[in-house]
Amino acid sequence: MVQSELHPEDERRRGDENSSESSSNETPEGISEPVVGDITPLGGEVVSSPLEEERAVRRAALRARAGEELLAWIKTFASAAVYATLIVTFGFQVARVEGKSMEPTLQDQDRLIVNKAAYRFFGEPKPGDIVMLFYPRDPDKSFVKRIVAEEGDTVRIEEGQVYVNEELQPDLFVPPEFRSYENHGPEVVQESYYFVMGDHRNNSSDSRHWGQVPQKYIIGRVQLRWWPLSDATLF
């Protein structure tokens, strides 16, 4: 490989050019070089931009709103539970007939609304009322019967005909085929007790068999048969 030699004058000129190029890249004195990258304020604290602050405020507002809505739902469900408890305890109860002791007035599997407030706030049970009651021999069970007589009344049954205070009861709700033909009594109803019977007289377990019912065992008055809808009846 052969390299050409330069004249001394040419070498001097090239050296001056290189020197000028090098000096052009140097930063003049008194002028600071720009810094590329993140700028950290004095003290090391990072300053958030207005956009980030706005987003943080929105997130906090959403969390607060979600908490308020959750609390509102909890209050709603708690109130509903309280109201339902009060209604079932002091107001109304849904019941289902099981058996045929109240035929033909009520059929097996009929659904009823029992008014529990009727005797708590608006009076006492009366003869003729259809009631829901606790079975005196086993209060865990409940029956639906009709009140025939109240305290102080004398009940006598002769060949299936019911007499209260020696007055024959018409019992128009008991068809002939549902009547019984036994004799019972006379029997005086005790204080705060009731004598009850099923409308299906020859197929009912009632006060003729297990005695009178204390008033405290009367749950409420049967107010409505709501099912089946075709036979809905207000009593």
C-alpha atoms as a PDB file:
ATOM      1  CA  MET A   1       0.000   0.000   0.000  1.00  0.00           C
ATOM      2  CA  VAL A   2       1.446   3.390  -0.995  1.00  0.00           C
ATOM      3  CA  GLN A   3       0.458   6.549   0.925  1.00  0.00           C
ATOM      4  CA  SER A   4       1.027   9.938  -0.683  1.00  0.00           C
ATOM      5  CA  GLU A   5       3.094  12.477   1.189  1.00  0.00           C
ATOM      6  CA  LEU A   6       1.875  16.040   1.820  1.00  0.00           C
ATOM      7  CA  HIS A   7       3.772  19.217   1.301  1.00  0.00           C
ATOM      8  CA  PRO A   8       4.743  20.873   4.594  1.00  0.00           C
ATOM      9  CA  GLU A   9       2.428  23.794   3.824  1.00  0.00           C
ATOM     10  CA  ASP A  10      -0.467  21.441   3.250  1.00  0.00           C
ATOM     11  CA  GLU A  11       0.190  19.663   6.537  1.00  0.00           C
ATOM     12  CA  ARG A  12       0.145  22.965   8.372  1.00  0.00           C
ATOM     13  CA  ARG A  13      -3.202  23.912   6.733  1.00  0.00           C
ATOM     14  CA  ARG A  14      -4.815  20.565   7.623  1.00  0.00           C
ATOM     15  CA  GLY A  15      -3.669  20.911  11.224  1.00  0.00           C
ATOM     16  CA  ASP A  16      -5.325  24.320  11.437  1.00  0.00           C
ATOM     17  CA  GLU A  17      -8.596  22.901  10.090  1.00  0.00           C
ATOM     18  CA  ASN A  18      -8.631  20.105  12.691  1.00  0.00           C
ATOM     19  CA  SER A  19      -7.987  22.602  15.429  1.00  0.00           C
ATOM     20  CA  SER A  20     -10.897  24.738  14.281  1.00  0.00           C
ATOM     21  CA  GLU A  21     -13.259  21.736  14.235  1.00  0.00           C
ATOM     22  CA  SER A  22     -12.297  20.715  17.727  1.00  0.00           C
ATOM     23  CA  SER A  23     -12.753  24.180  19.090  1.00  0.00           C
ATOM     24  CA  SER A  24     -16.207  24.476  17.524  1.00  0.00           C
ATOM     25  CA  ASN A  25     -17.453  21.508  19.577  1.00  0.00           C
ATOM     26  CA  GLU A  26     -16.308  22.964  22.865  1.00  0.00           C
ATOM     27  CA  THR A  27     -18.812  24.859  25.063  1.00  0.00           C
ATOM     28  CA  PRO A  28     -17.898  28.481  25.529  1.00  0.00           C
ATOM     29  CA  GLU A  29     -17.034  29.552  29.010  1.00  0.00           C
ATOM     30  CA  GLY A  30     -19.916  30.958  31.074  1.00  0.00           C
ATOM     31  CA  ILE A  31     -22.653  28.979  29.171  1.00  0.00           C
ATOM     32  CA  SER A  32     -24.029  25.840  30.878  1.00  0.00           C
ATOM     33  CA  GLU A  33     -24.798  22.764  28.865  1.00  0.00           C
ATOM     34  CA  PRO A  34     -28.481  21.667  28.656  1.00  0.00           C
ATOM     35  CA  VAL A  35     -29.433  18.621  30.741  1.00  0.00           C
ATOM     36  CA  VAL A  36     -31.548  15.935  29.076  1.00  0.00           C
ATOM     37  CA  GLY A  37     -33.889  13.862  31.296  1.00  0.00           C
ATOM     38  CA  ASP A  38     -36.270  14.329  34.269  1.00  0.00           C
ATOM     39  CA  ILE A  39     -35.954  17.488  36.274  1.00  0.00           C
ATOM     40  CA  THR A  40     -36.049  16.953  40.010  1.00  0.00           C
ATOM     41  CA  PRO A  41     -37.005  20.030  42.014  1.00  0.00           C
ATOM     42  CA  LEU A  42     -34.938  21.201  44.917  1.00  0.00           C
ATOM     43  CA  GLY A  43     -35.376  19.100  48.049  1.00  0.00           C
ATOM     44  CA  GLY A  44     -36.030  15.874  46.069  1.00  0.00           C
ATOM     45  CA  GLU A  45     -39.870  16.260  45.977  1.00  0.00           C
ATOM     46  CA  VAL A  46     -41.787  15.320  42.824  1.00  0.00           C
ATOM     47  CA  VAL A  47     -44.398  17.872  41.788  1.00  0.00           C
ATOM     48  CA  SER A  48     -47.608  16.291  40.300  1.00  0.00           C
ATOM     49  CA  SER A  49     -49.118  17.765  37.245  1.00  0.00           C
ATOM     50  CA  PRO A  50     -52.643  19.304  37.374  1.00  0.00           C
ATOM     51  CA  LEU A  51     -53.985  16.382  35.312  1.00  0.00           C
ATOM     52  CA  GLU A  52     -52.731  13.807  37.833  1.00  0.00           C
ATOM     53  CA  GLU A  53     -54.248  15.796  40.692  1.00  0.00           C
ATOM     54  CA  GLU A  54     -57.603  15.915  38.913  1.00  0.00           C
ATOM     55  CA  ARG A  55     -57.533  12.147  38.381  1.00  0.00           C
ATOM     56  CA  ALA A  56     -56.743  11.551  42.041  1.00  0.00           C
ATOM     57  CA  VAL A  57     -59.658  13.760  43.074  1.00  0.00           C
ATOM     58  CA  ARG A  58     -62.003  11.862  40.757  1.00  0.00           C
ATOM     59  CA  ARG A  59     -60.868   8.498  42.129  1.00  0.00           C
ATOM     60  CA  ALA A  60     -61.438   9.674  45.694  1.00  0.00           C
ATOM     61  CA  ALA A  61     -64.903  10.962  44.791  1.00  0.00           C
ATOM     62  CA  LEU A  62     -65.822   7.626  43.140  1.00  0.00           C
ATOM     63  CA  ARG A  63     -64.682   5.682  46.203  1.00  0.00           C
ATOM     64  CA  ALA A  64     -66.701   7.942  48.490  1.00  0.00           C
ATOM     65  CA  ARG A  65     -69.797   7.597  46.274  1.00  0.00           C
ATOM     66  CA  ALA A  66     -69.451   3.787  46.168  1.00  0.00           C
ATOM     67  CA  GLY A  67     -69.212   3.696  49.954  1.00  0.00           C
ATOM     68  CA  GLU A  68     -72.326   5.843  50.314  1.00  0.00           C
ATOM     69  CA  GLU A  69     -74.304   3.643  47.898  1.00  0.00           C
ATOM     70  CA  LEU A  70     -73.208   0.473  49.705  1.00  0.00           C
ATOM     71  CA  LEU A  71     -74.274   1.966  53.035  1.00  0.00           C
ATOM     72  CA  ALA A  72     -77.630   2.974  51.534  1.00  0.00           C
ATOM     73  CA  TRP A  73     -78.222  -0.598  50.289  1.00  0.00           C
ATOM     74  CA  ILE A  74     -77.332  -2.035  53.686  1.00  0.00           C
ATOM     75  CA  LYS A  75     -79.796   0.336  55.354  1.00  0.00           C
ATOM     76  CA  THR A  76     -82.497  -0.631  52.837  1.00  0.00           C
ATOM     77  CA  PHE A  77     -82.058  -4.371  53.398  1.00  0.00           C
ATOM     78  CA  ALA A  78     -81.934  -3.928  57.163  1.00  0.00           C
ATOM     79  CA  SER A  79     -85.137  -1.877  57.105  1.00  0.00           C
ATOM     80  CA  ALA A  80     -86.858  -4.462  54.910  1.00  0.00           C
ATOM     81  CA  ALA A  81     -85.844  -7.231  57.315  1.00  0.00           C
ATOM     82  CA  VAL A  82     -87.193  -5.269  60.271  1.00  0.00           C
ATOM     83  CA  TYR A  83     -90.469  -4.495  58.501  1.00  0.00           C
ATOM     84  CA  ALA A  84     -90.886  -8.132  57.445  1.00  0.00           C
ATOM     85  CA  THR A  85     -90.282  -9.281  61.012  1.00  0.00           C
ATOM     86  CA  LEU A  86     -92.820  -6.805  62.354  1.00  0.00           C
ATOM     87  CA  ILE A  87     -95.394  -7.816  59.738  1.00  0.00           C
ATOM     88  CA  VAL A  88     -94.987 -11.534  60.441  1.00  0.00           C
ATOM     89  CA  THR A  89     -94.939 -11.007  64.214  1.00  0.00           C
ATOM     90  CA  PHE A  90     -97.759  -8.494  64.612  1.00  0.00           C
ATOM     91  CA  GLY A  91     -99.474  -8.203  61.235  1.00  0.00           C
ATOM     92  CA  PHE A  92    -100.092 -11.002  58.757  1.00  0.00           C
ATOM     93  CA  GLN A  93     -98.925 -14.539  58.159  1.00  0.00           C
ATOM     94  CA  VAL A  94     -99.166 -16.804  55.145  1.00  0.00           C
ATOM     95  CA  ALA A  95    -100.478 -20.288  55.919  1.00  0.00           C
ATOM     96  CA  ARG A  96    -101.351 -23.454  54.022  1.00  0.00           C
ATOM     97  CA  VAL A  97    -104.227 -25.796  54.784  1.00  0.00           C
ATOM     98  CA  GLU A  98    -103.210 -29.408  55.276  1.00  0.00           C
ATOM     99  CA  GLY A  99    -106.086 -31.842  55.607  1.00  0.00           C
ATOM    100  CA  LYS A 100    -109.846 -31.864  55.064  1.00  0.00           C
ATOM    101  CA  SER A 101    -111.225 -30.888  58.474  1.00  0.00           C
ATOM    102  CA  MET A 102    -112.485 -27.514  57.210  1.00  0.00           C
ATOM    103  CA  GLU A 103    -114.172 -28.739  54.027  1.00  0.00           C
ATOM    104  CA  PRO A 104    -116.116 -27.535  52.182  1.00  0.00           C
ATOM    105  CA  THR A 105    -115.199 -24.021  53.372  1.00  0.00           C
ATOM    106  CA  LEU A 106    -111.472 -24.620  52.944  1.00  0.00           C
ATOM    107  CA  GLN A 107    -109.804 -27.269  50.823  1.00  0.00           C
ATOM    108  CA  ASP A 108    -106.589 -29.177  51.343  1.00  0.00           C
ATOM    109  CA  GLN A 109    -103.564 -27.098  50.171  1.00  0.00           C
ATOM    110  CA  ASP A 110    -105.473 -23.812  50.085  1.00  0.00           C
ATOM    111  CA  ARG A 111    -103.232 -20.801  50.780  1.00  0.00           C
ATOM    112  CA  LEU A 112    -104.414 -18.340  53.400  1.00  0.00           C
ATOM    113  CA  ILE A 113    -103.597 -14.920  54.791  1.00  0.00           C
ATOM    114  CA  VAL A 114    -103.974 -14.888  58.579  1.00  0.00           C
ATOM    115  CA  ASN A 115    -104.609 -11.511  60.194  1.00  0.00           C
ATOM    116  CA  LYS A 116    -102.624 -11.599  63.438  1.00  0.00           C
ATOM    117  CA  ALA A 117    -103.307  -7.954  64.243  1.00  0.00           C
ATOM    118  CA  ALA A 118    -107.083  -8.462  64.340  1.00  0.00           C
ATOM    119  CA  TYR A 119    -107.107  -9.855  67.874  1.00  0.00           C
ATOM    120  CA  ARG A 120    -104.080  -7.931  69.123  1.00  0.00           C
ATOM    121  CA  PHE A 121    -105.404  -4.452  68.438  1.00  0.00           C
ATOM    122  CA  PHE A 122    -108.990  -4.619  67.155  1.00  0.00           C
ATOM    123  CA  GLY A 123    -110.982  -6.885  69.436  1.00  0.00           C
ATOM    124  CA  GLU A 124    -111.324 -10.470  70.583  1.00  0.00           C
ATOM    125  CA  PRO A 125    -112.233 -13.679  68.755  1.00  0.00           C
ATOM    126  CA  LYS A 126    -115.959 -14.224  68.254  1.00  0.00           C
ATOM    127  CA  PRO A 127    -118.103 -17.288  67.478  1.00  0.00           C
ATOM    128  CA  GLY A 128    -118.216 -17.834  63.741  1.00  0.00           C
ATOM    129  CA  ASP A 129    -114.634 -16.639  63.155  1.00  0.00           C
ATOM    130  CA  ILE A 130    -112.315 -18.982  61.275  1.00  0.00           C
ATOM    131  CA  VAL A 131    -109.043 -18.903  63.183  1.00  0.00           C
ATOM    132  CA  MET A 132    -105.544 -20.290  63.115  1.00  0.00           C
ATOM    133  CA  LEU A 133    -104.526 -21.694  66.503  1.00  0.00           C
ATOM    134  CA  PHE A 134    -101.838 -23.668  68.271  1.00  0.00           C
ATOM    135  CA  TYR A 135    -102.802 -27.266  68.995  1.00  0.00           C
ATOM    136  CA  PRO A 136    -103.281 -27.344  72.799  1.00  0.00           C
ATOM    137  CA  ARG A 137    -101.644 -30.749  73.181  1.00  0.00           C
ATOM    138  CA  ASP A 138     -98.630 -29.818  71.044  1.00  0.00           C
ATOM    139  CA  PRO A 139     -98.162 -26.071  70.526  1.00  0.00           C
ATOM    140  CA  ASP A 140     -95.538 -26.729  67.868  1.00  0.00           C
ATOM    141  CA  LYS A 141     -98.441 -27.651  65.578  1.00  0.00           C
ATOM    142  CA  SER A 142    -101.127 -25.286  64.309  1.00  0.00           C
ATOM    143  CA  PHE A 143    -104.693 -25.910  63.128  1.00  0.00           C
ATOM    144  CA  VAL A 144    -107.416 -23.968  61.340  1.00  0.00           C
ATOM    145  CA  LYS A 145    -110.862 -24.235  62.977  1.00  0.00           C
ATOM    146  CA  ARG A 146    -114.089 -22.294  63.455  1.00  0.00           C
ATOM    147  CA  ILE A 147    -115.015 -20.822  66.831  1.00  0.00           C
ATOM    148  CA  VAL A 148    -118.345 -22.225  67.989  1.00  0.00           C
ATOM    149  CA  ALA A 149    -118.595 -20.794  71.512  1.00  0.00           C
ATOM    150  CA  GLU A 150    -116.751 -18.409  73.825  1.00  0.00           C
ATOM    151  CA  GLU A 151    -116.262 -18.171  77.602  1.00  0.00           C
ATOM    152  CA  GLY A 152    -119.402 -18.631  79.650  1.00  0.00           C
ATOM    153  CA  ASP A 153    -121.318 -20.366  76.837  1.00  0.00           C
ATOM    154  CA  THR A 154    -122.786 -23.823  77.264  1.00  0.00           C
ATOM    155  CA  VAL A 155    -122.230 -26.161  74.329  1.00  0.00           C
ATOM    156  CA  ARG A 156    -124.325 -29.249  73.687  1.00  0.00           C
ATOM    157  CA  ILE A 157    -124.335 -31.494  70.622  1.00  0.00           C
ATOM    158  CA  GLU A 158    -127.238 -33.846  70.012  1.00  0.00           C
ATOM    159  CA  GLU A 159    -127.214 -36.160  66.993  1.00  0.00           C
ATOM    160  CA  GLY A 160    -124.793 -33.772  65.307  1.00  0.00           C
ATOM    161  CA  GLN A 161    -126.903 -30.673  65.933  1.00  0.00           C
ATOM    162  CA  VAL A 162    -124.975 -27.968  67.829  1.00  0.00           C
ATOM    163  CA  TYR A 163    -126.695 -26.000  70.588  1.00  0.00           C
ATOM    164  CA  VAL A 164    -125.096 -22.971  72.247  1.00  0.00           C
ATOM    165  CA  ASN A 165    -126.924 -21.791  75.349  1.00  0.00           C
ATOM    166  CA  GLU A 166    -129.739 -24.111  74.238  1.00  0.00           C
ATOM    167  CA  GLU A 167    -130.066 -22.313  70.898  1.00  0.00           C
ATOM    168  CA  LEU A 168    -129.754 -24.471  67.801  1.00  0.00           C
ATOM    169  CA  GLN A 169    -126.997 -23.179  65.518  1.00  0.00           C
ATOM    170  CA  PRO A 170    -128.026 -23.065  61.847  1.00  0.00           C
ATOM    171  CA  ASP A 171    -124.532 -24.008  60.622  1.00  0.00           C
ATOM    172  CA  LEU A 172    -125.504 -23.301  57.016  1.00  0.00           C
ATOM    173  CA  PHE A 173    -121.858 -23.728  56.003  1.00  0.00           C
ATOM    174  CA  VAL A 174    -122.054 -27.458  56.892  1.00  0.00           C
ATOM    175  CA  PRO A 175    -123.774 -29.506  54.144  1.00  0.00           C
ATOM    176  CA  PRO A 176    -125.715 -32.603  55.283  1.00  0.00           C
ATOM    177  CA  GLU A 177    -123.045 -35.015  54.011  1.00  0.00           C
ATOM    178  CA  PHE A 178    -120.442 -33.295  56.197  1.00  0.00           C
ATOM    179  CA  ARG A 179    -122.445 -33.491  59.434  1.00  0.00           C
ATOM    180  CA  SER A 180    -121.783 -35.881  62.277  1.00  0.00           C
ATOM    181  CA  TYR A 181    -124.384 -37.611  64.431  1.00  0.00           C
ATOM    182  CA  GLU A 182    -122.681 -37.912  67.811  1.00  0.00           C
ATOM    183  CA  ASN A 183    -123.718 -36.466  71.138  1.00  0.00           C
ATOM    184  CA  HIS A 184    -121.520 -34.238  73.284  1.00  0.00           C
ATOM    185  CA  GLY A 185    -121.902 -32.194  76.461  1.00  0.00           C
ATOM    186  CA  PRO A 186    -123.347 -30.114  77.831  1.00  0.00           C
ATOM    187  CA  GLU A 187    -120.042 -28.321  78.435  1.00  0.00           C
ATOM    188  CA  VAL A 188    -119.437 -24.825  79.809  1.00  0.00           C
ATOM    189  CA  VAL A 189    -116.619 -22.888  78.157  1.00  0.00           C
ATOM    190  CA  GLN A 190    -114.040 -21.698  80.681  1.00  0.00           C
ATOM    191  CA  GLU A 191    -112.912 -18.105  81.099  1.00  0.00           C
ATOM    192  CA  SER A 192    -110.475 -17.007  78.353  1.00  0.00           C
ATOM    193  CA  TYR A 193    -111.125 -20.239  76.427  1.00  0.00           C
ATOM    194  CA  TYR A 194    -112.938 -21.120  73.198  1.00  0.00           C
ATOM    195  CA  PHE A 195    -114.763 -24.151  71.855  1.00  0.00           C
ATOM    196  CA  VAL A 196    -113.744 -24.796  68.238  1.00  0.00           C
ATOM    197  CA  MET A 197    -114.836 -27.258  65.551  1.00  0.00           C
ATOM    198  CA  GLY A 198    -114.004 -28.050  61.963  1.00  0.00           C
ATOM    199  CA  ASP A 199    -116.682 -27.498  59.306  1.00  0.00           C
ATOM    200  CA  HIS A 200    -116.244 -31.095  58.178  1.00  0.00           C
ATOM    201  CA  ARG A 201    -117.925 -32.330  61.343  1.00  0.00           C
ATOM    202  CA  ASN A 202    -117.535 -36.049  60.653  1.00  0.00           C
ATOM    203  CA  ASN A 203    -113.839 -35.691  59.732  1.00  0.00           C
ATOM    204  CA  SER A 204    -112.416 -33.164  62.178  1.00  0.00           C
ATOM    205  CA  SER A 205    -110.306 -33.413  65.321  1.00  0.00           C
ATOM    206  CA  ASP A 206    -111.331 -30.459  67.488  1.00  0.00           C
ATOM    207  CA  SER A 207    -112.624 -29.402  70.926  1.00  0.00           C
ATOM    208  CA  ARG A 208    -114.891 -32.440  71.011  1.00  0.00           C
ATOM    209  CA  HIS A 209    -111.754 -34.585  71.226  1.00  0.00           C
ATOM    210  CA  TRP A 210    -108.928 -32.547  72.778  1.00  0.00           C
ATOM    211  CA  GLY A 211    -110.746 -29.868  74.729  1.00  0.00           C
ATOM    212  CA  GLN A 212    -111.125 -26.123  74.713  1.00  0.00           C
ATOM    213  CA  VAL A 213    -108.521 -23.702  73.355  1.00  0.00           C
ATOM    214  CA  PRO A 214    -106.995 -20.972  75.547  1.00  0.00           C
ATOM    215  CA  GLN A 215    -107.257 -17.505  74.060  1.00  0.00           C
ATOM    216  CA  LYS A 216    -103.468 -17.117  74.119  1.00  0.00           C
ATOM    217  CA  TYR A 217    -103.277 -20.000  71.618  1.00  0.00           C
ATOM    218  CA  ILE A 218    -105.338 -18.145  69.020  1.00  0.00           C
ATOM    219  CA  ILE A 219    -102.787 -16.954  66.428  1.00  0.00           C
ATOM    220  CA  GLY A 220    -105.089 -14.866  64.280  1.00  0.00           C
ATOM    221  CA  ARG A 221    -108.152 -14.668  62.087  1.00  0.00           C
ATOM    222  CA  VAL A 222    -108.193 -16.257  58.653  1.00  0.00           C
ATOM    223  CA  GLN A 223    -108.781 -13.182  56.505  1.00  0.00           C
ATOM    224  CA  LEU A 224    -108.283 -14.336  52.944  1.00  0.00           C
ATOM    225  CA  ARG A 225    -107.939 -17.439  50.810  1.00  0.00           C
ATOM    226  CA  TRP A 226    -105.683 -16.238  47.997  1.00  0.00           C
ATOM    227  CA  TRP A 227    -104.881 -19.555  46.316  1.00  0.00           C
ATOM    228  CA  PRO A 228    -106.184 -21.011  44.136  1.00  0.00           C
ATOM    229  CA  LEU A 229    -106.971 -17.672  42.536  1.00  0.00           C
ATOM    230  CA  SER A 230    -110.188 -19.005  41.060  1.00  0.00           C
ATOM    231  CA  ASP A 231    -111.484 -19.608  44.625  1.00  0.00           C
ATOM    232  CA  ALA A 232    -110.100 -16.466  46.261  1.00  0.00           C
ATOM    233  CA  THR A 233    -112.370 -15.553  49.186  1.00  0.00           C
ATOM    234  CA  LEU A 234    -112.424 -12.813  51.795  1.00  0.00           C
ATOM    235  CA  PHE A 235    -113.688 -14.064  55.177  1.00  0.00           C
END
